[in-house]
């Protein structure tokens, strides 16, 4: 998955009003909640065929960290 595609998918998941980037901190996004985490995991499974560790998702600090989990 390209970085651009990933950012588009994350923007959809977060339904964020502001623009997000790989440096965006998840703790600063009120939209990053348990539902978003489940949506991210579902997207990873559907788009990349990967099962990501929920613990690692919760430990992610930035959008870039989430992208790195899919690599």
PDB file of N, CA and C in Angstrom:
ATOM      1  N   UNK A   1       0.855  -1.172   0.000  1.00  0.00           N
ATOM      2  CA  UNK A   1       0.000   0.000   0.000  1.00  0.00           C
ATOM      3  C   UNK A   1       0.903   1.237   0.000  1.00  0.00           C
ATOM      4  N   UNK A   2       0.568   2.171  -0.878  1.00  0.00           N
ATOM      5  CA  UNK A   2       1.365   3.399  -0.939  1.00  0.00           C
ATOM      6  C   UNK A   2       1.067   4.282   0.269  1.00  0.00           C
ATOM      7  N   UNK A   3       1.976   5.189   0.537  1.00  0.00           N
ATOM      8  CA  UNK A   3       1.792   6.110   1.656  1.00  0.00           C
ATOM      9  C   UNK A   3       0.554   6.975   1.452  1.00  0.00           C
ATOM     10  N   UNK A   4       0.329   7.401   0.219  1.00  0.00           N
ATOM     11  CA  UNK A   4      -0.822   8.253  -0.080  1.00  0.00           C
ATOM     12  C   UNK A   4      -2.132   7.506   0.165  1.00  0.00           C
ATOM     13  N   UNK A   5      -2.179   6.260  -0.297  1.00  0.00           N
ATOM     14  CA  UNK A   5      -3.374   5.443  -0.090  1.00  0.00           C
ATOM     15  C   UNK A   5      -3.618   5.219   1.395  1.00  0.00           C
ATOM     16  N   UNK A   6      -2.543   4.949   2.124  1.00  0.00           N
ATOM     17  CA  UNK A   6      -2.672   4.738   3.561  1.00  0.00           C
ATOM     18  C   UNK A   6      -3.243   5.979   4.248  1.00  0.00           C
ATOM     19  N   UNK A   7      -2.713   7.150   3.900  1.00  0.00           N
ATOM     20  CA  UNK A   7      -3.216   8.390   4.515  1.00  0.00           C
ATOM     21  C   UNK A   7      -4.691   8.606   4.182  1.00  0.00           C
ATOM     22  N   UNK A   8      -5.095   8.285   2.956  1.00  0.00           N
ATOM     23  CA  UNK A   8      -6.506   8.424   2.579  1.00  0.00           C
ATOM     24  C   UNK A   8      -7.377   7.485   3.416  1.00  0.00           C
ATOM     25  N   UNK A   9      -6.919   6.245   3.586  1.00  0.00           N
ATOM     26  CA  UNK A   9      -7.686   5.286   4.383  1.00  0.00           C
ATOM     27  C   UNK A   9      -7.760   5.726   5.841  1.00  0.00           C
ATOM     28  N   UNK A  10      -6.667   6.250   6.368  1.00  0.00           N
ATOM     29  CA  UNK A  10      -6.664   6.709   7.757  1.00  0.00           C
ATOM     30  C   UNK A  10      -7.562   7.937   7.923  1.00  0.00           C
ATOM     31  N   UNK A  11      -7.575   8.805   6.941  1.00  0.00           N
ATOM     32  CA  UNK A  11      -8.462   9.980   7.012  1.00  0.00           C
ATOM     33  C   UNK A  11      -9.921   9.523   7.048  1.00  0.00           C
ATOM     34  N   UNK A  12     -10.248   8.477   6.279  1.00  0.00           N
ATOM     35  CA  UNK A  12     -11.606   7.930   6.300  1.00  0.00           C
ATOM     36  C   UNK A  12     -11.923   7.297   7.650  1.00  0.00           C
ATOM     37  N   UNK A  13     -10.983   6.528   8.178  1.00  0.00           N
ATOM     38  CA  UNK A  13     -11.189   5.865   9.462  1.00  0.00           C
ATOM     39  C   UNK A  13     -11.395   6.890  10.571  1.00  0.00           C
ATOM     40  N   UNK A  14     -10.564   7.921  10.557  1.00  0.00           N
ATOM     41  CA  UNK A  14     -10.609   8.923  11.624  1.00  0.00           C
ATOM     42  C   UNK A  14     -11.704   9.963  11.413  1.00  0.00           C
ATOM     43  N   UNK A  15     -12.167  10.071  10.177  1.00  0.00           N
ATOM     44  CA  UNK A  15     -13.146  11.104   9.855  1.00  0.00           C
ATOM     45  C   UNK A  15     -12.673  12.455  10.408  1.00  0.00           C
ATOM     46  N   UNK A  16     -11.370  12.686  10.228  1.00  0.00           N
ATOM     47  CA  UNK A  16     -10.726  13.877  10.791  1.00  0.00           C
ATOM     48  C   UNK A  16     -11.061  15.118   9.973  1.00  0.00           C
ATOM     49  N   UNK A  17     -11.310  16.185  10.674  1.00  0.00           N
ATOM     50  CA  UNK A  17     -11.598  17.456  10.012  1.00  0.00           C
ATOM     51  C   UNK A  17     -10.312  18.112   9.533  1.00  0.00           C
ATOM     52  N   UNK A  18      -9.231  17.960  10.306  1.00  0.00           N
ATOM     53  CA  UNK A  18      -7.957  18.545   9.908  1.00  0.00           C
ATOM     54  C   UNK A  18      -7.159  17.540   9.083  1.00  0.00           C
ATOM     55  N   UNK A  19      -6.212  18.047   8.323  1.00  0.00           N
ATOM     56  CA  UNK A  19      -5.388  17.182   7.492  1.00  0.00           C
ATOM     57  C   UNK A  19      -4.437  16.391   8.381  1.00  0.00           C
ATOM     58  N   UNK A  20      -4.253  15.123   8.048  1.00  0.00           N
ATOM     59  CA  UNK A  20      -3.338  14.295   8.820  1.00  0.00           C
ATOM     60  C   UNK A  20      -2.097  14.012   7.988  1.00  0.00           C
ATOM     61  N   UNK A  21      -1.002  13.724   8.682  1.00  0.00           N
ATOM     62  CA  UNK A  21       0.250  13.367   8.021  1.00  0.00           C
ATOM     63  C   UNK A  21       0.892  12.242   8.816  1.00  0.00           C
ATOM     64  N   UNK A  22       2.029  11.778   8.368  1.00  0.00           N
ATOM     65  CA  UNK A  22       2.715  10.704   9.069  1.00  0.00           C
ATOM     66  C   UNK A  22       3.247  11.164  10.421  1.00  0.00           C
ATOM     67  N   UNK A  23       3.385  12.476  10.607  1.00  0.00           N
ATOM     68  CA  UNK A  23       3.870  13.016  11.876  1.00  0.00           C
ATOM     69  C   UNK A  23       2.745  13.336  12.854  1.00  0.00           C
ATOM     70  N   UNK A  24       1.502  13.210  12.430  1.00  0.00           N
ATOM     71  CA  UNK A  24       0.366  13.510  13.300  1.00  0.00           C
ATOM     72  C   UNK A  24       0.370  12.563  14.489  1.00  0.00           C
ATOM     73  N   UNK A  25       0.316  13.141  15.689  1.00  0.00           N
ATOM     74  CA  UNK A  25       0.298  12.327  16.903  1.00  0.00           C
ATOM     75  C   UNK A  25      -1.123  11.857  17.194  1.00  0.00           C
ATOM     76  N   UNK A  26      -1.249  10.580  17.427  1.00  0.00           N
ATOM     77  CA  UNK A  26      -2.559   9.985  17.667  1.00  0.00           C
ATOM     78  C   UNK A  26      -3.206  10.531  18.936  1.00  0.00           C
ATOM     79  N   UNK A  27      -2.403  10.836  19.938  1.00  0.00           N
ATOM     80  CA  UNK A  27      -2.953  11.348  21.197  1.00  0.00           C
ATOM     81  C   UNK A  27      -3.616  12.710  21.019  1.00  0.00           C
ATOM     82  N   UNK A  28      -3.264  13.419  19.953  1.00  0.00           N
ATOM     83  CA  UNK A  28      -3.857  14.716  19.673  1.00  0.00           C
ATOM     84  C   UNK A  28      -5.154  14.637  18.880  1.00  0.00           C
ATOM     85  N   UNK A  29      -5.549  13.437  18.509  1.00  0.00           N
ATOM     86  CA  UNK A  29      -6.758  13.240  17.714  1.00  0.00           C
ATOM     87  C   UNK A  29      -7.865  12.657  18.580  1.00  0.00           C
ATOM     88  N   UNK A  30      -8.895  13.439  18.822  1.00  0.00           N
ATOM     89  CA  UNK A  30      -9.999  12.892  19.628  1.00  0.00           C
ATOM     90  C   UNK A  30     -10.710  11.765  18.890  1.00  0.00           C
ATOM     91  N   UNK A  31     -10.531  11.711  17.558  1.00  0.00           N
ATOM     92  CA  UNK A  31     -11.157  10.671  16.755  1.00  0.00           C
ATOM     93  C   UNK A  31     -10.482   9.313  16.919  1.00  0.00           C
ATOM     94  N   UNK A  32      -9.243   9.297  17.488  1.00  0.00           N
ATOM     95  CA  UNK A  32      -8.515   8.040  17.671  1.00  0.00           C
ATOM     96  C   UNK A  32      -9.022   7.391  18.952  1.00  0.00           C
ATOM     97  N   UNK A  33      -9.951   6.467  18.780  1.00  0.00           N
ATOM     98  CA  UNK A  33     -10.571   5.790  19.915  1.00  0.00           C
ATOM     99  C   UNK A  33     -10.648   4.294  19.621  1.00  0.00           C
ATOM    100  N   UNK A  34     -11.314   3.555  20.470  1.00  0.00           N
ATOM    101  CA  UNK A  34     -11.372   2.106  20.302  1.00  0.00           C
ATOM    102  C   UNK A  34     -12.025   1.699  18.981  1.00  0.00           C
ATOM    103  N   UNK A  35     -13.015   2.446  18.533  1.00  0.00           N
ATOM    104  CA  UNK A  35     -13.658   2.140  17.253  1.00  0.00           C
ATOM    105  C   UNK A  35     -12.679   2.357  16.094  1.00  0.00           C
ATOM    106  N   UNK A  36     -11.889   3.415  16.174  1.00  0.00           N
ATOM    107  CA  UNK A  36     -10.883   3.680  15.139  1.00  0.00           C
ATOM    108  C   UNK A  36      -9.820   2.591  15.125  1.00  0.00           C
ATOM    109  N   UNK A  37      -9.454   2.106  16.302  1.00  0.00           N
ATOM    110  CA  UNK A  37      -8.461   1.030  16.379  1.00  0.00           C
ATOM    111  C   UNK A  37      -8.991  -0.225  15.699  1.00  0.00           C
ATOM    112  N   UNK A  38     -10.242  -0.569  15.988  1.00  0.00           N
ATOM    113  CA  UNK A  38     -10.858  -1.735  15.345  1.00  0.00           C
ATOM    114  C   UNK A  38     -10.934  -1.534  13.830  1.00  0.00           C
ATOM    115  N   UNK A  39     -11.287  -0.330  13.401  1.00  0.00           N
ATOM    116  CA  UNK A  39     -11.365  -0.030  11.963  1.00  0.00           C
ATOM    117  C   UNK A  39      -9.994  -0.137  11.309  1.00  0.00           C
ATOM    118  N   UNK A  40      -8.959   0.344  11.992  1.00  0.00           N
ATOM    119  CA  UNK A  40      -7.587   0.253  11.472  1.00  0.00           C
ATOM    120  C   UNK A  40      -7.192  -1.218  11.305  1.00  0.00           C
ATOM    121  N   UNK A  41      -7.478  -2.036  12.324  1.00  0.00           N
ATOM    122  CA  UNK A  41      -7.125  -3.451  12.267  1.00  0.00           C
ATOM    123  C   UNK A  41      -7.878  -4.147  11.129  1.00  0.00           C
ATOM    124  N   UNK A  42      -9.147  -3.813  10.951  1.00  0.00           N
ATOM    125  CA  UNK A  42      -9.935  -4.386   9.855  1.00  0.00           C
ATOM    126  C   UNK A  42      -9.369  -3.963   8.503  1.00  0.00           C
ATOM    127  N   UNK A  43      -8.971  -2.700   8.390  1.00  0.00           N
ATOM    128  CA  UNK A  43      -8.376  -2.210   7.141  1.00  0.00           C
ATOM    129  C   UNK A  43      -7.071  -2.939   6.859  1.00  0.00           C
ATOM    130  N   UNK A  44      -6.251  -3.132   7.883  1.00  0.00           N
ATOM    131  CA  UNK A  44      -4.974  -3.835   7.707  1.00  0.00           C
ATOM    132  C   UNK A  44      -5.217  -5.255   7.223  1.00  0.00           C
ATOM    133  N   UNK A  45      -6.207  -5.899   7.776  1.00  0.00           N
ATOM    134  CA  UNK A  45      -6.533  -7.269   7.395  1.00  0.00           C
ATOM    135  C   UNK A  45      -7.062  -7.323   5.968  1.00  0.00           C
ATOM    136  N   UNK A  46      -7.978  -6.417   5.633  1.00  0.00           N
ATOM    137  CA  UNK A  46      -8.605  -6.438   4.304  1.00  0.00           C
ATOM    138  C   UNK A  46      -7.651  -5.966   3.209  1.00  0.00           C
ATOM    139  N   UNK A  47      -6.911  -4.897   3.472  1.00  0.00           N
ATOM    140  CA  UNK A  47      -6.059  -4.296   2.431  1.00  0.00           C
ATOM    141  C   UNK A  47      -4.716  -4.983   2.287  1.00  0.00           C
ATOM    142  N   UNK A  48      -4.180  -5.444   3.389  1.00  0.00           N
ATOM    143  CA  UNK A  48      -2.820  -5.986   3.365  1.00  0.00           C
ATOM    144  C   UNK A  48      -2.760  -7.468   3.696  1.00  0.00           C
ATOM    145  N   UNK A  49      -3.902  -8.022   4.096  1.00  0.00           N
ATOM    146  CA  UNK A  49      -3.912  -9.425   4.479  1.00  0.00           C
ATOM    147  C   UNK A  49      -3.082  -9.700   5.719  1.00  0.00           C
ATOM    148  N   UNK A  50      -2.957  -8.698   6.579  1.00  0.00           N
ATOM    149  CA  UNK A  50      -2.126  -8.825   7.774  1.00  0.00           C
ATOM    150  C   UNK A  50      -2.973  -8.803   9.035  1.00  0.00           C
ATOM    151  N   UNK A  51      -2.508  -9.528  10.018  1.00  0.00           N
ATOM    152  CA  UNK A  51      -3.083  -9.414  11.356  1.00  0.00           C
ATOM    153  C   UNK A  51      -2.082  -8.615  12.173  1.00  0.00           C
ATOM    154  N   UNK A  52      -2.513  -7.470  12.658  1.00  0.00           N
ATOM    155  CA  UNK A  52      -1.616  -6.648  13.459  1.00  0.00           C
ATOM    156  C   UNK A  52      -1.907  -6.873  14.935  1.00  0.00           C
ATOM    157  N   UNK A  53      -0.874  -6.729  15.727  1.00  0.00           N
ATOM    158  CA  UNK A  53      -0.967  -6.916  17.167  1.00  0.00           C
ATOM    159  C   UNK A  53      -1.633  -5.681  17.785  1.00  0.00           C
ATOM    160  N   UNK A  54      -2.741  -5.898  18.477  1.00  0.00           N
ATOM    161  CA  UNK A  54      -3.486  -4.797  19.083  1.00  0.00           C
ATOM    162  C   UNK A  54      -2.599  -4.018  20.048  1.00  0.00           C
ATOM    163  N   UNK A  55      -1.743  -4.709  20.765  1.00  0.00           N
ATOM    164  CA  UNK A  55      -0.838  -4.042  21.709  1.00  0.00           C
ATOM    165  C   UNK A  55       0.067  -3.055  20.973  1.00  0.00           C
ATOM    166  N   UNK A  56       0.580  -3.458  19.820  1.00  0.00           N
ATOM    167  CA  UNK A  56       1.448  -2.568  19.046  1.00  0.00           C
ATOM    168  C   UNK A  56       0.670  -1.382  18.499  1.00  0.00           C
ATOM    169  N   UNK A  57      -0.585  -1.601  18.131  1.00  0.00           N
ATOM    170  CA  UNK A  57      -1.421  -0.494  17.643  1.00  0.00           C
ATOM    171  C   UNK A  57      -1.617   0.515  18.764  1.00  0.00           C
ATOM    172  N   UNK A  58      -1.894   0.025  19.958  1.00  0.00           N
ATOM    173  CA  UNK A  58      -2.102   0.924  21.097  1.00  0.00           C
ATOM    174  C   UNK A  58      -0.821   1.661  21.486  1.00  0.00           C
ATOM    175  N   UNK A  59       0.338   1.065  21.204  1.00  0.00           N
ATOM    176  CA  UNK A  59       1.623   1.688  21.529  1.00  0.00           C
ATOM    177  C   UNK A  59       2.058   2.709  20.481  1.00  0.00           C
ATOM    178  N   UNK A  60       1.413   2.714  19.325  1.00  0.00           N
ATOM    179  CA  UNK A  60       1.770   3.651  18.257  1.00  0.00           C
ATOM    180  C   UNK A  60       1.572   5.088  18.727  1.00  0.00           C
ATOM    181  N   UNK A  61       2.515   5.944  18.350  1.00  0.00           N
ATOM    182  CA  UNK A  61       2.462   7.348  18.755  1.00  0.00           C
ATOM    183  C   UNK A  61       1.956   8.224  17.615  1.00  0.00           C
ATOM    184  N   UNK A  62       2.361   7.893  16.387  1.00  0.00           N
ATOM    185  CA  UNK A  62       2.003   8.716  15.235  1.00  0.00           C
ATOM    186  C   UNK A  62       1.318   7.867  14.156  1.00  0.00           C
ATOM    187  N   UNK A  63       0.745   8.559  13.180  1.00  0.00           N
ATOM    188  CA  UNK A  63       0.175   7.884  12.009  1.00  0.00           C
ATOM    189  C   UNK A  63       1.269   7.073  11.309  1.00  0.00           C
ATOM    190  N   UNK A  64       2.469   7.619  11.272  1.00  0.00           N
ATOM    191  CA  UNK A  64       3.597   6.918  10.656  1.00  0.00           C
ATOM    192  C   UNK A  64       3.891   5.593  11.336  1.00  0.00           C
ATOM    193  N   UNK A  65       3.745   5.549  12.657  1.00  0.00           N
ATOM    194  CA  UNK A  65       3.949   4.298  13.387  1.00  0.00           C
ATOM    195  C   UNK A  65       2.938   3.237  12.935  1.00  0.00           C
ATOM    196  N   UNK A  66       1.707   3.666  12.695  1.00  0.00           N
ATOM    197  CA  UNK A  66       0.676   2.731  12.225  1.00  0.00           C
ATOM    198  C   UNK A  66       1.034   2.209  10.837  1.00  0.00           C
ATOM    199  N   UNK A  67       1.556   3.089   9.986  1.00  0.00           N
ATOM    200  CA  UNK A  67       1.968   2.677   8.649  1.00  0.00           C
ATOM    201  C   UNK A  67       3.099   1.653   8.742  1.00  0.00           C
ATOM    202  N   UNK A  68       4.047   1.909   9.641  1.00  0.00           N
ATOM    203  CA  UNK A  68       5.187   1.003   9.801  1.00  0.00           C
ATOM    204  C   UNK A  68       4.754  -0.399  10.221  1.00  0.00           C
ATOM    205  N   UNK A  69       3.650  -0.502  10.963  1.00  0.00           N
ATOM    206  CA  UNK A  69       3.156  -1.814  11.382  1.00  0.00           C
ATOM    207  C   UNK A  69       2.709  -2.664  10.189  1.00  0.00           C
ATOM    208  N   UNK A  70       2.404  -2.016   9.079  1.00  0.00           N
ATOM    209  CA  UNK A  70       1.939  -2.741   7.892  1.00  0.00           C
ATOM    210  C   UNK A  70       3.071  -3.117   6.943  1.00  0.00           C
ATOM    211  N   UNK A  71       4.286  -2.713   7.288  1.00  0.00           N
ATOM    212  CA  UNK A  71       5.421  -2.998   6.410  1.00  0.00           C
ATOM    213  C   UNK A  71       6.096  -4.301   6.770  1.00  0.00           C
TER     214      UNK A  71
END
